[in-house]
Protein backbone atom coordinates (compact mmCIF):
# COMPACT_ATOMS: atom_id res chain seq x y z
CA MET A 1 -35.11 20.61 56.83
CA GLU A 2 -36.40 18.51 53.68
CA ILE A 3 -33.16 16.49 54.20
CA LEU A 4 -33.85 15.93 57.63
CA GLN A 5 -37.43 14.84 56.85
CA ALA A 6 -36.53 12.04 54.09
CA MET A 7 -34.06 10.50 56.58
CA MET A 8 -36.50 10.66 59.15
CA ASP A 9 -38.78 8.80 56.22
CA ARG A 10 -36.46 6.34 55.72
CA THR A 11 -34.90 5.63 58.91
CA ASN A 12 -35.53 1.48 58.29
CA TYR A 13 -33.23 1.99 55.21
CA ILE A 14 -30.48 3.84 56.94
CA GLY A 15 -30.82 1.43 59.63
CA ALA A 16 -30.45 -1.63 57.49
CA ALA A 17 -27.29 0.06 55.67
CA ILE A 18 -25.57 0.70 58.92
CA LEU A 19 -26.13 -2.98 60.20
CA PHE A 20 -25.00 -4.54 56.92
CA VAL A 21 -22.19 -2.35 57.03
CA ILE A 22 -21.79 -3.42 60.60
CA GLY A 23 -21.80 -7.02 59.73
CA LEU A 24 -19.70 -6.70 56.59
CA TYR A 25 -17.05 -5.03 58.74
CA THR A 26 -16.50 -7.53 61.76
CA VAL A 27 -16.90 -10.12 58.62
CA LEU A 28 -13.68 -8.76 57.00
CA THR A 29 -11.64 -7.44 60.10
CA HIS A 30 -11.54 -10.08 62.55
CA PRO A 31 -9.67 -13.20 62.35
CA ASN A 32 -12.06 -15.01 64.52
CA LEU A 33 -13.91 -17.43 63.21
CA LEU A 34 -16.87 -16.99 66.08
CA LYS A 35 -17.21 -13.40 65.57
CA LYS A 36 -17.28 -13.75 61.69
CA VAL A 37 -20.68 -15.91 61.93
CA ILE A 38 -21.99 -13.29 64.15
CA GLY A 39 -21.00 -10.53 61.23
CA ILE A 40 -23.13 -13.02 59.20
CA ASN A 41 -25.98 -12.51 61.01
CA ILE A 42 -25.78 -9.05 61.50
CA MET A 43 -25.81 -8.73 58.04
CA GLU A 44 -29.20 -11.35 57.95
CA THR A 45 -30.51 -9.36 60.50
CA ALA A 46 -30.11 -6.06 58.03
CA VAL A 47 -31.46 -7.79 54.80
CA PHE A 48 -34.90 -8.93 57.28
CA LEU A 49 -35.19 -5.21 58.78
CA LEU A 50 -35.06 -3.94 54.92
CA MET A 51 -37.13 -6.30 53.33
CA VAL A 52 -40.14 -5.75 56.13
CA SER A 53 -39.98 -2.14 55.66
CA GLU A 54 -40.56 -2.75 52.00
CA GLY A 55 -43.58 -4.65 52.93
CA TYR A 56 -44.89 -1.77 55.96
CA ILE A 57 -47.53 0.42 54.30
CA ALA A 58 -47.94 3.63 56.98
CA GLY A 59 -52.07 3.07 57.81
CA GLY A 60 -52.28 -0.51 56.49
CA SER A 61 -54.69 -2.98 57.30
CA SER A 62 -54.29 -6.58 56.82
CA PRO A 63 -55.70 -8.29 54.17
CA ILE A 64 -58.38 -10.98 55.59
CA LEU A 65 -60.82 -12.72 53.57
CA GLY A 66 -64.34 -11.48 54.36
CA LEU A 67 -64.12 -8.22 54.70
CA THR A 68 -66.65 -5.60 54.21
CA LYS A 69 -67.14 -2.90 51.35
CA GLU A 70 -65.75 -0.10 53.23
CA GLN A 71 -62.34 -2.41 54.37
CA ALA A 72 -61.87 -3.95 51.19
CA THR A 73 -61.40 -0.17 49.41
CA THR A 74 -58.55 0.66 52.35
CA VAL A 75 -55.01 0.11 52.04
CA HIS A 76 -53.53 -3.08 52.73
CA VAL A 77 -50.00 -4.55 53.92
CA ASN A 78 -48.15 -6.89 51.55
CA PRO A 79 -47.98 -10.08 53.34
CA LEU A 80 -45.27 -11.66 51.12
CA PRO A 81 -42.36 -9.79 52.31
CA THR A 82 -43.22 -11.03 55.99
CA ALA A 83 -43.69 -14.77 54.62
CA MET A 84 -40.15 -14.59 53.01
CA ILE A 85 -38.61 -13.10 56.31
CA LEU A 86 -40.20 -16.17 57.95
CA THR A 87 -38.74 -18.46 55.72
CA GLY A 88 -35.19 -16.68 55.65
CA ILE A 89 -35.23 -16.51 59.61
CA VAL A 90 -35.00 -19.97 59.52
CA VAL A 91 -32.55 -20.60 56.94
CA ALA A 92 -30.25 -18.29 58.35
CA VAL A 93 -30.57 -20.33 61.86
CA SER A 94 -30.03 -23.03 59.86
CA ILE A 95 -26.90 -21.81 58.17
CA THR A 96 -25.68 -20.57 61.76
CA ALA A 97 -26.40 -23.74 63.75
CA TYR A 98 -24.07 -25.77 61.11
CA SER A 99 -21.33 -23.31 60.95
CA LEU A 100 -20.79 -23.44 64.63
CA SER A 101 -20.86 -27.39 64.36
CA LEU A 102 -18.12 -26.52 62.05
CA ILE A 103 -16.54 -24.28 64.39
CA ILE A 104 -16.53 -26.83 66.85
CA LYS A 105 -14.92 -29.45 64.67
CA ILE A 106 -12.38 -26.70 63.39
CA TYR A 107 -11.19 -26.42 67.20
CA GLU A 108 -10.67 -30.21 67.76
CA ALA A 109 -8.80 -30.58 64.78
CA TYR A 110 -6.26 -27.50 65.04
CA GLY A 111 -6.87 -26.29 68.81
CA THR A 112 -7.88 -22.66 67.95
CA ILE A 113 -10.53 -20.56 65.81
CA GLU A 114 -8.71 -17.50 64.71
CA LEU A 115 -8.13 -18.15 61.03
CA ASP A 116 -4.44 -16.90 61.18
CA GLU A 117 -3.19 -19.46 63.27
CA ILE A 118 -4.89 -21.88 61.36
CA MET A 119 -3.25 -21.13 58.20
CA GLU A 120 -0.02 -21.29 59.94
CA LEU A 121 -0.76 -24.48 61.13
CA ARG A 122 -2.05 -25.80 57.88
CA SER A 123 0.98 -24.27 55.93
CA GLU A 124 3.29 -25.89 58.83
CA GLN A 125 1.47 -29.22 58.20
CA THR A 126 2.19 -29.20 54.26
CA ASN A 127 5.69 -27.70 54.29
CA GLY A 128 6.75 -30.16 57.36
């Protein structure tokens, strides 16, 4: 019963770990470049979930200036992880857009986005 309660208390961490493993599995096993980008996005989402979970405090309030003495003694949620995640989301979207533009250029050059086929075409170009 204690194990079940411990798992319920750490649902966000377990979910983040499962999401990260799903993304890693997708990146490692699929030769399709678009699926690899999707796997990387899943991994990024897992990191975001983990960071936001670290900053969350059950029953905590937002740290706002001008609080009364009663409110000043209550527990506050740390806003720094949320700010870091907002920056991380911007970086993740930028990387995704850049990756997709590279995939378009690769498709234009090779006619496919399958990594195995691209490697075969490159080896034929160097040998031929």
